[in-house]
Amino acid sequence: MKIYTKTGDKGTTALFGGTRVPKHHIRIESYGTVDELNSHIGLIRDQDIQEAYKNVLIHIQDRLFTVGAILATDPEKAIMKNGKERLNIPKISEANITLLEQEMDAMNDALPQMTHFVLPGGHQTVSFCHIARCVCRRAERLASALNDLEPIDPNTLRYLNRLSDYLFVLARKLSLDLQANEVKWIPEKT
């Protein structure tokens, strides 16, 4: 199988289901940003961190492929006229969201209480988490905008929202684990 198909040479691409749309379509922006996020999470996973974190990150990457598939699907092609699903698209489950919440709760138990916002940085691995968090927020904004145009499964939006929170808590936990300096943001008085 060749990687290049030449079908996108005129600035369009196919959604799952065959519908062609411009490459700048918000649906493409949405799942493209999720793909970018997945790459950043791979970068975090490649760092010298605990195996338990890596295992959760692999699970998250798998779920992000599911989110991408959901976002890449033409909703009109996904459901047949009799209401049954035509395409076998996986879903984001309540259990997927709960896993992120449980992981955050466990990490939070080991962290000092947050009294201020923190400046991103302190260690390269921590910075990678903050970058991924920002990309996740962008993916969430794009998915939310898409949802206003063509409703998507609510768990997809909830997952992206919870994932950005998870990445923030992971950044804080890795700061602690790596003995990095967590710099509080204290606004300058002018």
C-alpha atoms as a PDB file:
ATOM      1  CA  MET A   1       0.000   0.000   0.000  1.00  0.00           C
ATOM      2  CA  LYS A   2       1.342   3.388  -0.945  1.00  0.00           C
ATOM      3  CA  ILE A   3       1.216   6.175   1.622  1.00  0.00           C
ATOM      4  CA  TYR A   4       0.407   8.825  -0.940  1.00  0.00           C
ATOM      5  CA  THR A   5      -2.899   8.669  -2.790  1.00  0.00           C
ATOM      6  CA  LYS A   6      -2.873  12.059  -4.551  1.00  0.00           C
ATOM      7  CA  THR A   7      -6.589  12.405  -3.716  1.00  0.00           C
ATOM      8  CA  GLY A   8      -5.876  15.419  -1.504  1.00  0.00           C
ATOM      9  CA  ASP A   9      -3.852  17.346  -4.044  1.00  0.00           C
ATOM     10  CA  LYS A  10      -6.698  19.805  -4.581  1.00  0.00           C
ATOM     11  CA  GLY A  11      -7.115  20.641  -0.889  1.00  0.00           C
ATOM     12  CA  THR A  12      -9.808  18.160   0.102  1.00  0.00           C
ATOM     13  CA  THR A  13      -9.760  15.006   2.184  1.00  0.00           C
ATOM     14  CA  ALA A  14     -12.184  12.186   2.921  1.00  0.00           C
ATOM     15  CA  LEU A  15     -13.955  11.680   6.210  1.00  0.00           C
ATOM     16  CA  PHE A  16     -14.647   8.207   7.544  1.00  0.00           C
ATOM     17  CA  GLY A  17     -17.660   7.280   5.457  1.00  0.00           C
ATOM     18  CA  GLY A  18     -16.323   8.826   2.245  1.00  0.00           C
ATOM     19  CA  THR A  19     -17.584  12.419   2.349  1.00  0.00           C
ATOM     20  CA  ARG A  20     -14.975  14.824   0.973  1.00  0.00           C
ATOM     21  CA  VAL A  21     -14.425  18.127   2.750  1.00  0.00           C
ATOM     22  CA  PRO A  22     -11.836  20.931   2.538  1.00  0.00           C
ATOM     23  CA  LYS A  23      -8.679  20.217   4.528  1.00  0.00           C
ATOM     24  CA  HIS A  24      -9.373  23.343   6.572  1.00  0.00           C
ATOM     25  CA  HIS A  25     -12.833  22.078   7.654  1.00  0.00           C
ATOM     26  CA  ILE A  26     -13.348  22.312  11.420  1.00  0.00           C
ATOM     27  CA  ARG A  27     -13.811  18.528  11.599  1.00  0.00           C
ATOM     28  CA  ILE A  28     -10.319  18.088  10.083  1.00  0.00           C
ATOM     29  CA  GLU A  29      -8.890  20.744  12.417  1.00  0.00           C
ATOM     30  CA  SER A  30     -10.471  18.902  15.352  1.00  0.00           C
ATOM     31  CA  TYR A  31      -9.090  15.459  14.687  1.00  0.00           C
ATOM     32  CA  GLY A  32      -5.799  16.870  13.397  1.00  0.00           C
ATOM     33  CA  THR A  33      -5.305  18.608  16.735  1.00  0.00           C
ATOM     34  CA  VAL A  34      -6.141  15.379  18.559  1.00  0.00           C
ATOM     35  CA  ASP A  35      -3.456  13.687  16.448  1.00  0.00           C
ATOM     36  CA  GLU A  36      -1.000  16.441  17.405  1.00  0.00           C
ATOM     37  CA  LEU A  37      -1.920  15.896  21.069  1.00  0.00           C
ATOM     38  CA  ASN A  38      -1.336  12.172  20.695  1.00  0.00           C
ATOM     39  CA  SER A  39       2.180  12.870  19.401  1.00  0.00           C
ATOM     40  CA  HIS A  40       2.938  15.121  22.363  1.00  0.00           C
ATOM     41  CA  ILE A  41       1.732  12.416  24.750  1.00  0.00           C
ATOM     42  CA  GLY A  42       4.070   9.987  22.988  1.00  0.00           C
ATOM     43  CA  LEU A  43       6.892  12.410  23.754  1.00  0.00           C
ATOM     44  CA  ILE A  44       5.946  12.416  27.448  1.00  0.00           C
ATOM     45  CA  ARG A  45       5.802   8.614  27.423  1.00  0.00           C
ATOM     46  CA  ASP A  46       9.329   8.504  25.975  1.00  0.00           C
ATOM     47  CA  GLN A  47      10.723  10.307  29.026  1.00  0.00           C
ATOM     48  CA  ASP A  48      12.325   8.654  32.043  1.00  0.00           C
ATOM     49  CA  ILE A  49       9.129   8.371  34.098  1.00  0.00           C
ATOM     50  CA  GLN A  50       7.487   5.603  36.098  1.00  0.00           C
ATOM     51  CA  GLU A  51       6.149   2.643  34.156  1.00  0.00           C
ATOM     52  CA  ALA A  52       2.699   3.179  35.712  1.00  0.00           C
ATOM     53  CA  TYR A  53       2.499   6.625  34.094  1.00  0.00           C
ATOM     54  CA  LYS A  54       3.622   5.168  30.770  1.00  0.00           C
ATOM     55  CA  ASN A  55       0.892   2.529  30.921  1.00  0.00           C
ATOM     56  CA  VAL A  56      -1.800   5.159  31.535  1.00  0.00           C
ATOM     57  CA  LEU A  57      -0.379   7.286  28.707  1.00  0.00           C
ATOM     58  CA  ILE A  58      -0.534   4.323  26.296  1.00  0.00           C
ATOM     59  CA  HIS A  59      -4.178   3.849  27.271  1.00  0.00           C
ATOM     60  CA  ILE A  60      -4.806   7.567  26.685  1.00  0.00           C
ATOM     61  CA  GLN A  61      -3.137   7.377  23.277  1.00  0.00           C
ATOM     62  CA  ASP A  62      -5.432   4.495  22.358  1.00  0.00           C
ATOM     63  CA  ARG A  63      -8.459   6.511  23.470  1.00  0.00           C
ATOM     64  CA  LEU A  64      -7.252   9.498  21.458  1.00  0.00           C
ATOM     65  CA  PHE A  65      -7.308   7.329  18.336  1.00  0.00           C
ATOM     66  CA  THR A  66     -10.940   6.627  19.229  1.00  0.00           C
ATOM     67  CA  VAL A  67     -11.615  10.360  19.684  1.00  0.00           C
ATOM     68  CA  GLY A  68      -9.979  10.982  16.314  1.00  0.00           C
ATOM     69  CA  ALA A  69     -12.164   8.343  14.664  1.00  0.00           C
ATOM     70  CA  ILE A  70     -15.288   9.881  16.187  1.00  0.00           C
ATOM     71  CA  LEU A  71     -14.308  13.342  14.984  1.00  0.00           C
ATOM     72  CA  ALA A  72     -13.317  12.041  11.527  1.00  0.00           C
ATOM     73  CA  THR A  73     -16.713  10.449  10.911  1.00  0.00           C
ATOM     74  CA  ASP A  74     -19.406  12.095   8.830  1.00  0.00           C
ATOM     75  CA  PRO A  75     -22.431  11.857  11.153  1.00  0.00           C
ATOM     76  CA  GLU A  76     -24.779  11.429   8.185  1.00  0.00           C
ATOM     77  CA  LYS A  77     -22.843   8.356   7.048  1.00  0.00           C
ATOM     78  CA  ALA A  78     -22.513   6.828  10.529  1.00  0.00           C
ATOM     79  CA  ILE A  79     -26.212   6.010  10.993  1.00  0.00           C
ATOM     80  CA  MET A  80     -28.416   4.066   8.591  1.00  0.00           C
ATOM     81  CA  LYS A  81     -31.975   5.143   7.848  1.00  0.00           C
ATOM     82  CA  ASN A  82     -33.306   2.543  10.312  1.00  0.00           C
ATOM     83  CA  GLY A  83     -31.266   4.165  13.111  1.00  0.00           C
ATOM     84  CA  LYS A  84     -28.615   1.465  13.353  1.00  0.00           C
ATOM     85  CA  GLU A  85     -24.925   2.299  13.170  1.00  0.00           C
ATOM     86  CA  ARG A  86     -23.443   1.715   9.751  1.00  0.00           C
ATOM     87  CA  LEU A  87     -19.814   2.278  10.676  1.00  0.00           C
ATOM     88  CA  ASN A  88     -18.270   0.418  13.576  1.00  0.00           C
ATOM     89  CA  ILE A  89     -16.902   3.438  15.438  1.00  0.00           C
ATOM     90  CA  PRO A  90     -15.729   2.821  19.005  1.00  0.00           C
ATOM     91  CA  LYS A  91     -17.016   5.109  21.736  1.00  0.00           C
ATOM     92  CA  ILE A  92     -15.523   6.933  24.686  1.00  0.00           C
ATOM     93  CA  SER A  93     -17.054   5.336  27.741  1.00  0.00           C
ATOM     94  CA  GLU A  94     -17.831   6.621  31.187  1.00  0.00           C
ATOM     95  CA  ALA A  95     -15.113   4.215  32.415  1.00  0.00           C
ATOM     96  CA  ASN A  96     -12.532   6.029  30.260  1.00  0.00           C
ATOM     97  CA  ILE A  97     -13.416   9.309  31.958  1.00  0.00           C
ATOM     98  CA  THR A  98     -13.489   7.707  35.397  1.00  0.00           C
ATOM     99  CA  LEU A  99      -9.988   6.305  34.871  1.00  0.00           C
ATOM    100  CA  LEU A 100      -8.627   9.823  34.326  1.00  0.00           C
ATOM    101  CA  GLU A 101     -10.426  11.048  37.442  1.00  0.00           C
ATOM    102  CA  GLN A 102      -9.077   8.169  39.543  1.00  0.00           C
ATOM    103  CA  GLU A 103      -5.549   8.759  38.302  1.00  0.00           C
ATOM    104  CA  MET A 104      -5.826  12.470  39.113  1.00  0.00           C
ATOM    105  CA  ASP A 105      -7.187  11.734  42.591  1.00  0.00           C
ATOM    106  CA  ALA A 106      -4.310   9.339  43.309  1.00  0.00           C
ATOM    107  CA  MET A 107      -1.686  11.842  42.139  1.00  0.00           C
ATOM    108  CA  ASN A 108      -3.351  14.723  43.977  1.00  0.00           C
ATOM    109  CA  ASP A 109      -3.167  12.802  47.263  1.00  0.00           C
ATOM    110  CA  ALA A 110       0.640  13.018  47.066  1.00  0.00           C
ATOM    111  CA  LEU A 111       0.796  16.695  46.052  1.00  0.00           C
ATOM    112  CA  PRO A 112       0.920  19.783  48.220  1.00  0.00           C
ATOM    113  CA  GLN A 113      -2.240  21.869  48.074  1.00  0.00           C
ATOM    114  CA  MET A 114      -2.234  24.344  45.225  1.00  0.00           C
ATOM    115  CA  THR A 115      -2.434  27.930  46.457  1.00  0.00           C
ATOM    116  CA  HIS A 116      -1.413  29.715  43.243  1.00  0.00           C
ATOM    117  CA  PHE A 117      -1.267  29.086  39.535  1.00  0.00           C
ATOM    118  CA  VAL A 118       2.067  27.571  38.532  1.00  0.00           C
ATOM    119  CA  LEU A 119       4.312  28.657  35.704  1.00  0.00           C
ATOM    120  CA  PRO A 120       4.933  25.902  33.151  1.00  0.00           C
ATOM    121  CA  GLY A 121       8.483  24.557  33.336  1.00  0.00           C
ATOM    122  CA  GLY A 122      10.980  23.392  35.886  1.00  0.00           C
ATOM    123  CA  HIS A 123      11.988  20.261  33.991  1.00  0.00           C
ATOM    124  CA  GLN A 124      11.809  19.245  30.347  1.00  0.00           C
ATOM    125  CA  THR A 125       9.386  16.394  31.068  1.00  0.00           C
ATOM    126  CA  VAL A 126       7.108  18.714  33.020  1.00  0.00           C
ATOM    127  CA  SER A 127       7.201  21.212  30.154  1.00  0.00           C
ATOM    128  CA  PHE A 128       6.158  18.469  27.723  1.00  0.00           C
ATOM    129  CA  CYS A 129       3.102  17.847  29.944  1.00  0.00           C
ATOM    130  CA  HIS A 130       2.176  21.526  29.872  1.00  0.00           C
ATOM    131  CA  ILE A 131       2.535  21.675  26.095  1.00  0.00           C
ATOM    132  CA  ALA A 132       0.295  18.599  25.770  1.00  0.00           C
ATOM    133  CA  ARG A 133      -2.213  20.222  28.152  1.00  0.00           C
ATOM    134  CA  CYS A 134      -2.372  23.336  25.966  1.00  0.00           C
ATOM    135  CA  VAL A 135      -2.809  21.281  22.784  1.00  0.00           C
ATOM    136  CA  CYS A 136      -5.531  19.291  24.551  1.00  0.00           C
ATOM    137  CA  ARG A 137      -7.345  22.518  25.430  1.00  0.00           C
ATOM    138  CA  ARG A 138      -7.138  23.589  21.782  1.00  0.00           C
ATOM    139  CA  ALA A 139      -8.510  20.200  20.689  1.00  0.00           C
ATOM    140  CA  GLU A 140     -11.332  20.642  23.177  1.00  0.00           C
ATOM    141  CA  ARG A 141     -12.143  24.134  21.866  1.00  0.00           C
ATOM    142  CA  LEU A 142     -12.225  22.871  18.284  1.00  0.00           C
ATOM    143  CA  ALA A 143     -14.364  19.850  19.208  1.00  0.00           C
ATOM    144  CA  SER A 144     -16.710  22.169  21.094  1.00  0.00           C
ATOM    145  CA  ALA A 145     -17.022  24.427  18.042  1.00  0.00           C
ATOM    146  CA  LEU A 146     -17.671  21.373  15.856  1.00  0.00           C
ATOM    147  CA  ASN A 147     -20.288  20.214  18.353  1.00  0.00           C
ATOM    148  CA  ASP A 148     -22.129  23.523  17.854  1.00  0.00           C
ATOM    149  CA  LEU A 149     -22.337  22.762  14.121  1.00  0.00           C
ATOM    150  CA  GLU A 150     -22.796  18.989  14.172  1.00  0.00           C
ATOM    151  CA  PRO A 151     -23.385  17.433  17.597  1.00  0.00           C
ATOM    152  CA  ILE A 152     -20.833  14.828  18.667  1.00  0.00           C
ATOM    153  CA  ASP A 153     -21.000  12.297  21.470  1.00  0.00           C
ATOM    154  CA  PRO A 154     -20.917  14.216  24.787  1.00  0.00           C
ATOM    155  CA  ASN A 155     -18.381  11.802  26.288  1.00  0.00           C
ATOM    156  CA  THR A 156     -15.897  12.873  23.632  1.00  0.00           C
ATOM    157  CA  LEU A 157     -16.019  16.468  24.898  1.00  0.00           C
ATOM    158  CA  ARG A 158     -15.953  15.319  28.532  1.00  0.00           C
ATOM    159  CA  TYR A 159     -12.913  13.135  27.851  1.00  0.00           C
ATOM    160  CA  LEU A 160     -10.928  15.984  26.301  1.00  0.00           C
ATOM    161  CA  ASN A 161     -11.880  18.262  29.185  1.00  0.00           C
ATOM    162  CA  ARG A 162     -10.824  15.701  31.787  1.00  0.00           C
ATOM    163  CA  LEU A 163      -7.650  14.846  29.869  1.00  0.00           C
ATOM    164  CA  SER A 164      -6.380  18.416  29.998  1.00  0.00           C
ATOM    165  CA  ASP A 165      -6.928  18.357  33.770  1.00  0.00           C
ATOM    166  CA  TYR A 166      -5.091  15.028  33.968  1.00  0.00           C
ATOM    167  CA  LEU A 167      -2.117  16.451  32.062  1.00  0.00           C
ATOM    168  CA  PHE A 168      -1.948  19.398  34.470  1.00  0.00           C
ATOM    169  CA  VAL A 169      -1.968  17.117  37.519  1.00  0.00           C
ATOM    170  CA  LEU A 170       0.594  14.837  35.849  1.00  0.00           C
ATOM    171  CA  ALA A 171       2.844  17.864  35.302  1.00  0.00           C
ATOM    172  CA  ARG A 172       2.590  18.731  38.988  1.00  0.00           C
ATOM    173  CA  LYS A 173       3.189  15.118  40.062  1.00  0.00           C
ATOM    174  CA  LEU A 174       6.204  14.796  37.788  1.00  0.00           C
ATOM    175  CA  SER A 175       7.550  18.066  39.217  1.00  0.00           C
ATOM    176  CA  LEU A 176       7.409  16.411  42.633  1.00  0.00           C
ATOM    177  CA  ASP A 177       8.836  13.077  41.418  1.00  0.00           C
ATOM    178  CA  LEU A 178      11.674  14.766  39.513  1.00  0.00           C
ATOM    179  CA  GLN A 179      12.327  17.260  42.319  1.00  0.00           C
ATOM    180  CA  ALA A 180      11.759  20.111  39.902  1.00  0.00           C
ATOM    181  CA  ASN A 181      11.109  23.607  41.124  1.00  0.00           C
ATOM    182  CA  GLU A 182       7.415  24.444  40.807  1.00  0.00           C
ATOM    183  CA  VAL A 183       7.292  28.227  40.406  1.00  0.00           C
ATOM    184  CA  LYS A 184       4.131  29.863  41.682  1.00  0.00           C
ATOM    185  CA  TRP A 185       2.660  32.677  39.647  1.00  0.00           C
ATOM    186  CA  ILE A 186       2.413  35.716  41.879  1.00  0.00           C
ATOM    187  CA  PRO A 187       1.336  38.735  39.838  1.00  0.00           C
ATOM    188  CA  GLU A 188       3.708  41.667  39.927  1.00  0.00           C
ATOM    189  CA  LYS A 189       2.360  44.741  41.623  1.00  0.00           C
ATOM    190  CA  THR A 190       2.568  47.784  39.399  1.00  0.00           C
END
